[in-house]
């Protein structure tokens, strides 16, 4: 999966959240901030006087799923069909991209010598 594909999913997610917030007249709530924090690839942890950057496992378990679910407020009623089509096309392409990256990484780790 190329970086451009993940950036495209992030752009769709950001635009959808902003459109939902404008339509509903609300601002970010606690759940939205947690979701946005799960979209970062690394997270800081404090070790005594130092701050280290470690991989954020919530990106793969929560963040990537939120990027492909298209769970926005304006997809209610008849517009649910558009949400279903987006999930099936972009979600399937994302799943295939993640699958190929995992297969490529596994073949590099467990290749023949």
C-alpha atoms as a PDB file:
ATOM      1  CA  UNK A   1       0.000   0.000   0.000  1.00  0.00           C
ATOM      2  CA  UNK A   2       1.475   3.311  -1.012  1.00  0.00           C
ATOM      3  CA  UNK A   3       1.552   6.377   1.169  1.00  0.00           C
ATOM      4  CA  UNK A   4      -0.678   8.242  -1.266  1.00  0.00           C
ATOM      5  CA  UNK A   5      -3.511   5.785  -0.696  1.00  0.00           C
ATOM      6  CA  UNK A   6      -3.426   6.269   3.082  1.00  0.00           C
ATOM      7  CA  UNK A   7      -3.249  10.042   2.591  1.00  0.00           C
ATOM      8  CA  UNK A   8      -6.309   9.850   0.308  1.00  0.00           C
ATOM      9  CA  UNK A   9      -8.247   7.943   2.979  1.00  0.00           C
ATOM     10  CA  UNK A  10      -7.221  10.546   5.547  1.00  0.00           C
ATOM     11  CA  UNK A  11      -8.429  13.338   3.273  1.00  0.00           C
ATOM     12  CA  UNK A  12     -11.802  11.637   2.783  1.00  0.00           C
ATOM     13  CA  UNK A  13     -12.100  11.089   6.533  1.00  0.00           C
ATOM     14  CA  UNK A  14     -11.227  14.704   7.356  1.00  0.00           C
ATOM     15  CA  UNK A  15     -13.584  16.129   4.749  1.00  0.00           C
ATOM     16  CA  UNK A  16     -16.427  13.859   5.885  1.00  0.00           C
ATOM     17  CA  UNK A  17     -15.955  14.771   9.540  1.00  0.00           C
ATOM     18  CA  UNK A  18     -15.865  18.481   8.748  1.00  0.00           C
ATOM     19  CA  UNK A  19     -18.997  18.254   6.593  1.00  0.00           C
ATOM     20  CA  UNK A  20     -20.769  16.313   9.364  1.00  0.00           C
ATOM     21  CA  UNK A  21     -19.755  18.895  11.952  1.00  0.00           C
ATOM     22  CA  UNK A  22     -20.954  21.788   9.784  1.00  0.00           C
ATOM     23  CA  UNK A  23     -24.302  20.103   9.117  1.00  0.00           C
ATOM     24  CA  UNK A  24     -24.898  19.195  12.762  1.00  0.00           C
ATOM     25  CA  UNK A  25     -23.540  22.487  14.134  1.00  0.00           C
ATOM     26  CA  UNK A  26     -21.311  20.714  16.643  1.00  0.00           C
ATOM     27  CA  UNK A  27     -17.592  20.742  17.274  1.00  0.00           C
ATOM     28  CA  UNK A  28     -15.213  17.922  18.179  1.00  0.00           C
ATOM     29  CA  UNK A  29     -16.268  15.735  21.086  1.00  0.00           C
ATOM     30  CA  UNK A  30     -14.104  13.339  23.142  1.00  0.00           C
ATOM     31  CA  UNK A  31     -14.657  10.386  20.779  1.00  0.00           C
ATOM     32  CA  UNK A  32     -13.550  12.413  17.751  1.00  0.00           C
ATOM     33  CA  UNK A  33     -10.326  13.489  19.450  1.00  0.00           C
ATOM     34  CA  UNK A  34      -9.550   9.866  20.396  1.00  0.00           C
ATOM     35  CA  UNK A  35     -10.144   8.783  16.796  1.00  0.00           C
ATOM     36  CA  UNK A  36      -7.875  11.507  15.438  1.00  0.00           C
ATOM     37  CA  UNK A  37      -5.167  10.530  17.944  1.00  0.00           C
ATOM     38  CA  UNK A  38      -5.420   6.918  16.756  1.00  0.00           C
ATOM     39  CA  UNK A  39      -4.640   8.048  13.198  1.00  0.00           C
ATOM     40  CA  UNK A  40      -1.065   8.991  14.051  1.00  0.00           C
ATOM     41  CA  UNK A  41       1.478   6.348  13.144  1.00  0.00           C
ATOM     42  CA  UNK A  42       3.745   7.046  16.122  1.00  0.00           C
ATOM     43  CA  UNK A  43       2.922   8.218  19.634  1.00  0.00           C
ATOM     44  CA  UNK A  44       5.125   9.734  22.329  1.00  0.00           C
ATOM     45  CA  UNK A  45       5.819   7.991  25.633  1.00  0.00           C
ATOM     46  CA  UNK A  46       7.658   9.522  28.545  1.00  0.00           C
ATOM     47  CA  UNK A  47      10.604   7.601  29.979  1.00  0.00           C
ATOM     48  CA  UNK A  48      11.902   9.513  32.997  1.00  0.00           C
ATOM     49  CA  UNK A  49      13.308  12.706  31.436  1.00  0.00           C
ATOM     50  CA  UNK A  50      13.137  11.597  27.770  1.00  0.00           C
ATOM     51  CA  UNK A  51      10.279  11.342  25.351  1.00  0.00           C
ATOM     52  CA  UNK A  52      10.443   8.445  22.897  1.00  0.00           C
ATOM     53  CA  UNK A  53       8.428   7.921  19.729  1.00  0.00           C
ATOM     54  CA  UNK A  54       6.984   4.392  19.507  1.00  0.00           C
ATOM     55  CA  UNK A  55       4.683   2.816  16.909  1.00  0.00           C
ATOM     56  CA  UNK A  56       1.016   3.447  17.590  1.00  0.00           C
ATOM     57  CA  UNK A  57      -0.749   0.072  17.457  1.00  0.00           C
ATOM     58  CA  UNK A  58      -4.122   1.833  17.690  1.00  0.00           C
ATOM     59  CA  UNK A  59      -3.482   3.058  14.136  1.00  0.00           C
ATOM     60  CA  UNK A  60      -3.822  -0.486  12.807  1.00  0.00           C
ATOM     61  CA  UNK A  61      -6.635  -1.592  15.121  1.00  0.00           C
ATOM     62  CA  UNK A  62      -8.786   1.547  15.355  1.00  0.00           C
ATOM     63  CA  UNK A  63      -7.520   4.245  13.007  1.00  0.00           C
ATOM     64  CA  UNK A  64      -7.396   2.297   9.757  1.00  0.00           C
ATOM     65  CA  UNK A  65     -10.851   0.856  10.433  1.00  0.00           C
ATOM     66  CA  UNK A  66     -12.278   4.355  11.023  1.00  0.00           C
ATOM     67  CA  UNK A  67     -10.744   5.555   7.764  1.00  0.00           C
ATOM     68  CA  UNK A  68     -12.546   2.889   5.751  1.00  0.00           C
ATOM     69  CA  UNK A  69     -15.961   2.805   7.506  1.00  0.00           C
ATOM     70  CA  UNK A  70     -17.247   6.195   6.245  1.00  0.00           C
ATOM     71  CA  UNK A  71     -19.458   6.527   9.332  1.00  0.00           C
ATOM     72  CA  UNK A  72     -20.615  10.106   8.807  1.00  0.00           C
ATOM     73  CA  UNK A  73     -23.849  11.744   9.915  1.00  0.00           C
ATOM     74  CA  UNK A  74     -24.964  12.712   6.407  1.00  0.00           C
ATOM     75  CA  UNK A  75     -25.093   9.082   5.220  1.00  0.00           C
ATOM     76  CA  UNK A  76     -28.523   8.486   6.737  1.00  0.00           C
ATOM     77  CA  UNK A  77     -31.598   7.235   4.925  1.00  0.00           C
ATOM     78  CA  UNK A  78     -31.198   6.723   1.193  1.00  0.00           C
ATOM     79  CA  UNK A  79     -27.609   7.939   1.241  1.00  0.00           C
ATOM     80  CA  UNK A  80     -26.621   4.729   3.032  1.00  0.00           C
ATOM     81  CA  UNK A  81     -26.244   3.168  -0.415  1.00  0.00           C
ATOM     82  CA  UNK A  82     -23.437   5.628  -1.204  1.00  0.00           C
ATOM     83  CA  UNK A  83     -21.755   4.666   2.076  1.00  0.00           C
ATOM     84  CA  UNK A  84     -22.049   0.976   1.184  1.00  0.00           C
ATOM     85  CA  UNK A  85     -20.528   1.545  -2.282  1.00  0.00           C
ATOM     86  CA  UNK A  86     -17.635   3.531  -0.788  1.00  0.00           C
ATOM     87  CA  UNK A  87     -16.957   0.835   1.796  1.00  0.00           C
ATOM     88  CA  UNK A  88     -16.998  -1.891  -0.835  1.00  0.00           C
ATOM     89  CA  UNK A  89     -14.686  -0.126  -3.294  1.00  0.00           C
ATOM     90  CA  UNK A  90     -12.258   1.916  -1.214  1.00  0.00           C
ATOM     91  CA  UNK A  91     -12.399  -0.435   1.775  1.00  0.00           C
ATOM     92  CA  UNK A  92     -11.655  -3.465  -0.393  1.00  0.00           C
ATOM     93  CA  UNK A  93      -8.759  -1.658  -2.080  1.00  0.00           C
ATOM     94  CA  UNK A  94      -7.348  -0.700   1.321  1.00  0.00           C
ATOM     95  CA  UNK A  95      -7.675  -4.257   2.610  1.00  0.00           C
ATOM     96  CA  UNK A  96      -5.905  -5.540  -0.502  1.00  0.00           C
ATOM     97  CA  UNK A  97      -3.128  -2.963  -0.053  1.00  0.00           C
ATOM     98  CA  UNK A  98      -2.585  -3.956   3.574  1.00  0.00           C
ATOM     99  CA  UNK A  99      -2.626  -7.643   2.569  1.00  0.00           C
ATOM    100  CA  UNK A 100       0.054  -7.148  -0.090  1.00  0.00           C
ATOM    101  CA  UNK A 101       2.259  -5.170   2.306  1.00  0.00           C
ATOM    102  CA  UNK A 102       1.986  -7.922   4.926  1.00  0.00           C
ATOM    103  CA  UNK A 103       2.773 -10.633   2.362  1.00  0.00           C
ATOM    104  CA  UNK A 104       5.768  -8.654   1.071  1.00  0.00           C
ATOM    105  CA  UNK A 105       7.089  -8.094   4.609  1.00  0.00           C
ATOM    106  CA  UNK A 106       6.575 -11.757   5.535  1.00  0.00           C
ATOM    107  CA  UNK A 107       8.369 -12.962   2.403  1.00  0.00           C
ATOM    108  CA  UNK A 108      11.293 -10.707   3.290  1.00  0.00           C
ATOM    109  CA  UNK A 109      11.441 -12.080   6.821  1.00  0.00           C
ATOM    110  CA  UNK A 110      10.925 -15.742   5.955  1.00  0.00           C
ATOM    111  CA  UNK A 111      12.478 -15.908   2.483  1.00  0.00           C
ATOM    112  CA  UNK A 112      14.636 -18.755   1.245  1.00  0.00           C
ATOM    113  CA  UNK A 113      18.356 -18.491   1.797  1.00  0.00           C
END
